[in-house]
Amino acid sequence: MEKLYKMFTAHSPNPDTVKMRFNHCFSQNISIATLIKAKDNVMPAFEHTHDEYEFVIPLTPIPFLINEGAVYFGEIGRVYPVQSGRKHGVKYDLSDVSHHNIVICKEFLDSIRQDKGIENVEFNYDFRITKFLKIYIEAFFEEYNKGEKCDMHKIKHLSSLICVEIIDEGLNPAIDTRKEKAGYQKGLHTIAEFLNENYQENITIAYLAQMCGFTPNYFSKCFQKLFGDRPQVYLTKLRISKAKQLLEQSGETVESVAEQCGFQKANSFTSSFKSVTGMTPTQYRMQNN
């Protein structure tokens, strides 16, 4: 029971007080929690460490992930590993996002690594999610959700398959994610970094497209393909995320928060904020103070 509790608590900074809604299934050696995408389901800012291995698989774009002090953007289609003992978390509160969070018992994963002769290699870089890993995760949930009819032999076997697939892809020496990405992807990552640092400015799609040397239409299509949202939607979510932080942690007026987060008018800020969160900035502040 102690091992199961350790794996469960690795999903959240403090499961006794932080209330996030997620679907959860587990075996003796692996625990998977899938955060439910909803505007009122908030993943709080946090940093923590634990002994288990952890793998984050974004189902929506997830900005502001932290791993050993580095802040990065979680892309759909990638797996972001957390090596045992490393400090990690989320820099700001996030809502309306979703991801699979896989926590694996260190001894179990290490034993598989040892059997494959790669126990001295660490999970240092993100890697692509394979179709087989998707299938194994889906099958794991499906079998677990059978309740009393669940076949524990299948669950045990699927646990091993998930771990082997993660090891084969995440520790594959032939795959080096440090190599240069395609030119257009490099440019779009630069744009995302630019937005993260300059969200408060009056930014147009035409200006961003010009930075990449693309037409606005082609730029928007490429951006959405890589990050899952159109540039303007991504920028709005980013601004709202910053606004929520200011509303919770400062006494600034709504008008001042709107201006600091890049909204030209307070009423457009209120409209966008309510569209994303389901409440006005004032209601949000009252609920979170």
Protein backbone atom coordinates (compact mmCIF):
# COMPACT_ATOMS: atom_id res chain seq x y z
CA MET A 1 0.00 0.00 0.00
CA GLU A 2 2.88 2.38 0.73
CA LYS A 3 4.21 2.01 -2.81
CA LEU A 4 0.77 2.71 -4.30
CA TYR A 5 0.36 5.79 -2.12
CA LYS A 6 3.79 7.10 -3.19
CA MET A 7 2.88 6.69 -6.85
CA PHE A 8 -0.49 8.39 -6.35
CA THR A 9 0.96 11.38 -4.49
CA ALA A 10 3.54 11.86 -7.26
CA HIS A 11 0.70 13.00 -9.55
CA SER A 12 -0.07 16.10 -7.48
CA PRO A 13 1.80 18.61 -5.30
CA ASN A 14 -0.51 17.90 -2.36
CA PRO A 15 -3.38 15.47 -3.09
CA ASP A 16 -4.92 16.05 0.35
CA THR A 17 -5.61 19.74 -0.32
CA VAL A 18 -5.32 20.27 -4.09
CA LYS A 19 -8.52 19.15 -5.79
CA MET A 20 -8.06 18.41 -9.46
CA ARG A 21 -10.47 16.22 -11.40
CA PHE A 22 -8.86 13.37 -13.29
CA ASN A 23 -9.44 9.82 -14.44
CA HIS A 24 -7.15 7.43 -12.59
CA CYS A 25 -6.07 3.82 -13.00
CA PHE A 26 -3.16 1.89 -11.54
CA SER A 27 -1.43 -1.43 -11.06
CA GLN A 28 1.18 -2.54 -8.58
CA ASN A 29 3.94 -0.72 -10.45
CA ILE A 30 2.36 2.02 -12.55
CA SER A 31 -0.20 4.78 -11.99
CA ILE A 32 -1.84 6.84 -14.74
CA ALA A 33 -3.88 10.00 -14.10
CA THR A 34 -5.53 11.86 -16.96
CA LEU A 35 -6.44 15.46 -16.12
CA ILE A 36 -9.97 16.33 -17.26
CA LYS A 37 -10.04 19.35 -19.58
CA ALA A 38 -12.38 22.00 -18.11
CA LYS A 39 -12.23 25.74 -17.47
CA ASP A 40 -12.91 25.22 -13.77
CA ASN A 41 -10.42 22.35 -13.36
CA VAL A 42 -7.24 24.17 -12.35
CA MET A 43 -3.79 22.64 -12.22
CA PRO A 44 -2.04 24.82 -9.62
CA ALA A 45 1.49 26.14 -9.84
CA PHE A 46 3.86 23.87 -7.95
CA GLU A 47 7.31 22.30 -7.80
CA HIS A 48 8.16 19.03 -6.10
CA THR A 49 10.39 15.96 -6.25
CA HIS A 50 9.82 12.24 -5.74
CA ASP A 51 11.65 8.96 -6.25
CA GLU A 52 9.39 7.62 -8.99
CA TYR A 53 9.78 8.17 -12.72
CA GLU A 54 7.16 10.45 -14.25
CA PHE A 55 6.11 10.98 -17.87
CA VAL A 56 3.87 13.87 -18.97
CA ILE A 57 1.96 13.40 -22.24
CA PRO A 58 0.09 16.62 -23.22
CA LEU A 59 -3.37 16.12 -24.72
CA THR A 60 -3.63 19.90 -25.10
CA PRO A 61 -0.75 22.37 -25.36
CA ILE A 62 0.63 22.96 -21.85
CA PRO A 63 2.80 26.04 -21.35
CA PHE A 64 5.12 26.66 -18.37
CA LEU A 65 6.19 23.11 -17.51
CA ILE A 66 9.24 23.09 -15.21
CA ASN A 67 12.04 20.52 -15.07
CA GLU A 68 15.13 21.29 -12.99
CA GLY A 69 14.52 25.04 -13.31
CA ALA A 70 14.04 25.04 -17.09
CA VAL A 71 10.63 26.28 -18.31
CA TYR A 72 9.33 24.75 -21.50
CA PHE A 73 6.21 24.33 -23.63
CA GLY A 74 4.47 20.95 -23.64
CA GLU A 75 3.52 19.99 -27.19
CA ILE A 76 0.84 17.53 -28.24
CA GLY A 77 2.40 14.32 -29.56
CA ARG A 78 5.45 14.46 -27.28
CA VAL A 79 6.35 12.69 -24.03
CA TYR A 80 8.15 14.72 -21.36
CA PRO A 81 10.10 12.54 -18.92
CA VAL A 82 11.00 13.42 -15.35
CA GLN A 83 14.01 11.50 -14.10
CA SER A 84 13.74 10.12 -10.56
CA GLY A 85 14.66 12.77 -7.96
CA ARG A 86 14.40 15.82 -10.25
CA LYS A 87 12.48 18.93 -9.22
CA HIS A 88 9.60 19.58 -11.61
CA GLY A 89 6.14 21.11 -11.82
CA VAL A 90 4.19 23.98 -13.40
CA LYS A 91 5.20 27.64 -13.18
CA TYR A 92 1.68 29.15 -13.21
CA ASP A 93 -1.87 27.99 -12.53
CA LEU A 94 -3.36 26.42 -15.65
CA SER A 95 -6.95 25.59 -16.54
CA ASP A 96 -8.65 24.05 -19.56
CA VAL A 97 -5.66 21.79 -20.19
CA SER A 98 -5.32 18.02 -20.21
CA HIS A 99 -2.56 15.44 -20.14
CA HIS A 100 -1.74 11.86 -19.25
CA ASN A 101 0.53 11.73 -16.22
CA ILE A 102 2.28 8.35 -15.92
CA VAL A 103 4.11 7.56 -12.69
CA ILE A 104 6.19 4.38 -12.60
CA CYS A 105 7.80 2.69 -9.60
CA LYS A 106 11.55 3.32 -9.82
CA GLU A 107 12.55 -0.24 -8.95
CA PHE A 108 10.21 -1.68 -11.57
CA LEU A 109 11.38 0.55 -14.42
CA ASP A 110 15.02 0.17 -13.43
CA SER A 111 14.69 -3.62 -13.51
CA ILE A 112 13.41 -3.46 -17.10
CA ARG A 113 16.20 -1.06 -18.05
CA GLN A 114 18.72 -3.45 -16.53
CA ASP A 115 17.27 -6.40 -18.45
CA LYS A 116 17.69 -4.38 -21.66
CA GLY A 117 21.25 -3.38 -20.74
CA ILE A 118 20.65 0.38 -20.60
CA GLU A 119 20.46 1.02 -16.85
CA ASN A 120 23.08 3.79 -17.00
CA VAL A 121 21.21 5.96 -19.52
CA GLU A 122 18.92 8.71 -18.22
CA PHE A 123 15.69 10.16 -19.59
CA ASN A 124 17.02 13.60 -20.48
CA TYR A 125 15.01 14.61 -23.54
CA ASP A 126 11.42 14.61 -24.68
CA PHE A 127 10.43 12.09 -27.31
CA ARG A 128 7.49 11.35 -29.60
CA ILE A 129 4.54 9.30 -28.40
CA THR A 130 4.20 6.16 -30.51
CA LYS A 131 0.95 4.65 -31.72
CA PHE A 132 1.68 1.59 -29.59
CA LEU A 133 2.06 3.64 -26.41
CA LYS A 134 -1.31 5.29 -27.15
CA ILE A 135 -2.88 1.85 -27.65
CA TYR A 136 -1.40 0.43 -24.44
CA ILE A 137 -2.58 3.40 -22.36
CA GLU A 138 -6.08 3.18 -23.80
CA ALA A 139 -6.19 -0.59 -23.20
CA PHE A 140 -4.94 -0.08 -19.63
CA PHE A 141 -7.81 2.29 -18.85
CA GLU A 142 -10.35 0.09 -20.62
CA GLU A 143 -9.36 -3.03 -18.68
CA TYR A 144 -9.07 -1.21 -15.35
CA ASN A 145 -12.53 0.34 -15.74
CA LYS A 146 -14.11 -3.11 -15.90
CA GLY A 147 -14.04 -3.04 -12.11
CA GLU A 148 -14.56 -6.47 -10.57
CA LYS A 149 -14.29 -8.06 -14.02
CA CYS A 150 -10.86 -6.54 -14.55
CA ASP A 151 -8.20 -9.10 -15.55
CA MET A 152 -5.18 -8.31 -13.36
CA HIS A 153 -2.94 -10.45 -15.57
CA LYS A 154 -3.75 -8.13 -18.49
CA ILE A 155 -3.14 -5.08 -16.30
CA LYS A 156 0.25 -6.45 -15.25
CA HIS A 157 1.17 -7.24 -18.85
CA LEU A 158 0.03 -3.81 -20.09
CA SER A 159 2.10 -2.17 -17.33
CA SER A 160 5.20 -3.87 -18.69
CA LEU A 161 4.34 -3.01 -22.30
CA ILE A 162 3.91 0.69 -21.42
CA CYS A 163 7.30 0.71 -19.67
CA VAL A 164 9.08 -1.10 -22.49
CA GLU A 165 7.62 1.27 -25.09
CA ILE A 166 8.70 4.30 -23.02
CA ILE A 167 12.21 2.88 -22.62
CA ASP A 168 12.58 1.90 -26.27
CA GLU A 169 11.56 5.34 -27.50
CA GLY A 170 12.85 7.54 -24.67
CA LEU A 171 16.27 5.92 -24.41
CA ASN A 172 16.80 5.15 -28.09
CA PRO A 173 20.34 6.35 -28.91
CA ALA A 174 19.39 6.68 -32.57
CA ILE A 175 16.88 9.40 -31.67
CA ASP A 176 18.45 12.63 -30.45
CA THR A 177 15.94 15.41 -29.89
CA ARG A 178 18.81 17.84 -29.42
CA LYS A 179 19.33 17.76 -33.20
CA GLU A 180 18.00 20.72 -35.10
CA LYS A 181 14.29 20.66 -35.81
CA ALA A 182 12.85 21.47 -39.20
CA GLY A 183 13.33 25.12 -40.07
CA TYR A 184 9.68 26.10 -39.75
CA GLN A 185 9.42 24.40 -36.34
CA LYS A 186 12.47 26.26 -35.06
CA GLY A 187 10.86 29.51 -36.16
CA LEU A 188 7.56 28.69 -34.47
CA HIS A 189 9.27 27.80 -31.20
CA THR A 190 10.95 31.19 -31.36
CA ILE A 191 7.52 32.78 -31.85
CA ALA A 192 6.13 30.93 -28.82
CA GLU A 193 9.04 32.17 -26.72
CA PHE A 194 8.48 35.69 -28.05
CA LEU A 195 4.78 35.52 -27.04
CA ASN A 196 5.66 34.21 -23.59
CA GLU A 197 7.92 37.21 -23.03
CA ASN A 198 5.92 39.94 -24.84
CA TYR A 199 2.27 38.97 -24.28
CA GLN A 200 1.52 42.42 -22.87
CA GLU A 201 2.36 44.13 -26.17
CA ASN A 202 -0.04 44.86 -29.04
CA ILE A 203 0.87 41.88 -31.22
CA THR A 204 -0.70 41.13 -34.60
CA ILE A 205 -0.70 37.89 -36.58
CA ALA A 206 0.79 39.75 -39.52
CA TYR A 207 3.74 40.84 -37.37
CA LEU A 208 4.35 37.29 -36.09
CA ALA A 209 4.10 35.86 -39.61
CA GLN A 210 6.62 38.42 -40.83
CA MET A 211 9.05 37.29 -38.10
CA CYS A 212 8.94 33.80 -39.64
CA GLY A 213 8.88 34.95 -43.22
CA PHE A 214 5.45 33.32 -43.76
CA THR A 215 2.16 34.62 -45.06
CA PRO A 216 -0.33 35.16 -42.20
CA ASN A 217 -2.55 32.29 -43.38
CA TYR A 218 0.31 29.80 -43.71
CA PHE A 219 1.78 30.93 -40.38
CA SER A 220 -1.55 30.35 -38.58
CA LYS A 221 -1.88 26.87 -40.06
CA CYS A 222 1.66 25.87 -39.10
CA PHE A 223 1.30 27.32 -35.60
CA GLN A 224 -1.94 25.45 -34.97
CA LYS A 225 -0.46 22.21 -36.30
CA LEU A 226 2.49 22.45 -33.90
CA PHE A 227 0.82 23.89 -30.79
CA GLY A 228 -2.82 22.85 -31.14
CA ASP A 229 -4.25 26.39 -31.11
CA ARG A 230 -4.41 29.29 -33.55
CA PRO A 231 -1.87 32.01 -32.62
CA GLN A 232 -4.52 34.44 -31.37
CA VAL A 233 -6.16 31.74 -29.23
CA TYR A 234 -2.79 30.77 -27.76
CA LEU A 235 -1.99 34.43 -27.02
CA THR A 236 -5.38 34.95 -25.35
CA LYS A 237 -4.91 31.86 -23.15
CA LEU A 238 -1.46 33.07 -22.23
CA ARG A 239 -2.75 36.53 -21.28
CA ILE A 240 -5.61 35.07 -19.25
CA SER A 241 -3.17 32.81 -17.42
CA LYS A 242 -1.08 35.85 -16.50
CA ALA A 243 -4.21 37.78 -15.53
CA LYS A 244 -5.34 35.05 -13.15
CA GLN A 245 -1.99 35.22 -11.44
CA LEU A 246 -2.28 39.00 -10.96
CA LEU A 247 -5.90 38.77 -9.77
CA GLU A 248 -4.92 36.21 -7.14
CA GLN A 249 -1.65 37.72 -5.96
CA SER A 250 -2.08 41.49 -6.26
CA GLY A 251 -4.55 44.21 -5.41
CA GLU A 252 -4.39 45.74 -8.88
CA THR A 253 -7.66 46.97 -10.36
CA VAL A 254 -9.27 44.99 -13.16
CA GLU A 255 -8.41 47.81 -15.56
CA SER A 256 -4.74 47.70 -14.52
CA VAL A 257 -4.61 43.90 -14.84
CA ALA A 258 -6.14 44.15 -18.32
CA GLU A 259 -3.53 46.69 -19.40
CA GLN A 260 -0.61 44.71 -17.94
CA CYS A 261 -1.76 41.58 -19.76
CA GLY A 262 -2.02 43.18 -23.19
CA PHE A 263 -5.75 43.93 -23.45
CA GLN A 264 -6.45 47.33 -25.00
CA LYS A 265 -9.85 47.74 -23.30
CA ALA A 266 -11.18 46.53 -19.96
CA ASN A 267 -14.46 45.34 -21.45
CA SER A 268 -12.69 43.17 -24.05
CA PHE A 269 -10.57 41.74 -21.22
CA THR A 270 -13.68 40.91 -19.19
CA SER A 271 -15.32 39.29 -22.20
CA SER A 272 -12.26 37.18 -23.03
CA PHE A 273 -11.69 36.26 -19.40
CA LYS A 274 -15.28 35.06 -18.97
CA SER A 275 -15.11 33.13 -22.23
CA VAL A 276 -12.04 31.23 -21.01
CA THR A 277 -12.84 30.80 -17.31
CA GLY A 278 -16.63 31.00 -17.15
CA MET A 279 -16.58 33.99 -14.77
CA THR A 280 -15.69 37.66 -14.76
CA PRO A 281 -12.30 38.83 -13.41
CA THR A 282 -14.03 40.20 -10.30
CA GLN A 283 -15.84 36.93 -9.67
CA TYR A 284 -12.59 35.02 -10.16
CA ARG A 285 -10.76 37.24 -7.67
CA MET A 286 -13.53 36.86 -5.05
CA GLN A 287 -13.47 33.08 -5.47
CA ASN A 288 -9.69 32.77 -5.23
CA ASN A 289 -8.89 35.27 -2.45
